[in-house]
């Protein structure tokens, strides 16, 4: 099997990380950009404002 080129990460609001709203984005799996923590300015519908969203680990899933 081939190695994955992208990894799925979760962006959560910087001001309130336990918020119920978040974004999923793809990030490179290797290279220089893979080591940089991602942050983006996105719209948060719960506060109805644009906020800074930062990268967090995906929650563990259960079977």
Protein backbone atom coordinates (compact mmCIF):
# COMPACT_ATOMS: atom_id res chain seq x y z
CA UNK A 1 0.00 0.00 0.00
CA UNK A 2 1.04 3.55 -0.63
CA UNK A 3 1.65 6.06 2.14
CA UNK A 4 -0.95 8.71 2.80
CA UNK A 5 -0.16 12.14 1.40
CA UNK A 6 -2.66 14.04 3.55
CA UNK A 7 -3.92 13.79 7.13
CA UNK A 8 -7.34 14.82 8.37
CA UNK A 9 -7.25 17.33 11.24
CA UNK A 10 -9.86 19.21 13.22
CA UNK A 11 -9.94 23.01 13.59
CA UNK A 12 -11.56 24.32 16.78
CA UNK A 13 -12.10 27.93 17.92
CA UNK A 14 -9.04 29.30 19.72
CA UNK A 15 -11.11 31.20 22.26
CA UNK A 16 -13.39 28.26 23.14
CA UNK A 17 -11.85 24.84 22.24
CA UNK A 18 -14.73 22.88 23.80
CA UNK A 19 -17.22 24.51 21.40
CA UNK A 20 -19.71 22.29 19.61
CA UNK A 21 -18.69 23.68 16.20
CA UNK A 22 -15.48 22.74 14.34
CA UNK A 23 -14.07 22.29 10.84
CA UNK A 24 -12.31 19.28 9.30
CA UNK A 25 -9.44 20.04 6.88
CA UNK A 26 -6.68 18.12 5.13
CA UNK A 27 -3.03 18.80 5.89
CA UNK A 28 0.12 17.35 4.25
CA UNK A 29 1.41 14.22 5.98
CA UNK A 30 5.08 14.90 5.30
CA UNK A 31 7.35 17.79 4.51
CA UNK A 32 7.84 21.22 6.08
CA UNK A 33 4.16 22.15 6.15
CA UNK A 34 3.32 19.01 8.15
CA UNK A 35 5.34 20.29 11.13
CA UNK A 36 3.61 23.70 11.28
CA UNK A 37 0.48 23.94 13.44
CA UNK A 38 -2.40 25.11 11.27
CA UNK A 39 -4.54 28.13 12.16
CA UNK A 40 -7.18 29.80 9.99
CA UNK A 41 -9.72 32.56 10.29
CA UNK A 42 -13.14 30.97 9.76
CA UNK A 43 -16.79 31.75 10.46
CA UNK A 44 -18.26 30.46 13.72
CA UNK A 45 -22.08 30.23 13.48
CA UNK A 46 -22.54 29.85 17.24
CA UNK A 47 -21.06 33.33 17.89
CA UNK A 48 -21.96 34.65 14.40
CA UNK A 49 -18.46 36.07 13.92
CA UNK A 50 -15.21 35.25 12.16
CA UNK A 51 -12.71 33.78 14.62
CA UNK A 52 -9.30 32.15 14.62
CA UNK A 53 -9.53 28.36 14.49
CA UNK A 54 -6.51 26.26 15.55
CA UNK A 55 -5.49 22.66 15.00
CA UNK A 56 -6.45 20.01 17.55
CA UNK A 57 -6.06 16.25 17.60
CA UNK A 58 -8.99 14.19 16.40
CA UNK A 59 -11.04 12.64 19.21
CA UNK A 60 -10.65 8.90 19.74
CA UNK A 61 -13.38 6.85 18.12
CA UNK A 62 -15.11 3.88 19.67
CA UNK A 63 -16.37 0.76 17.93
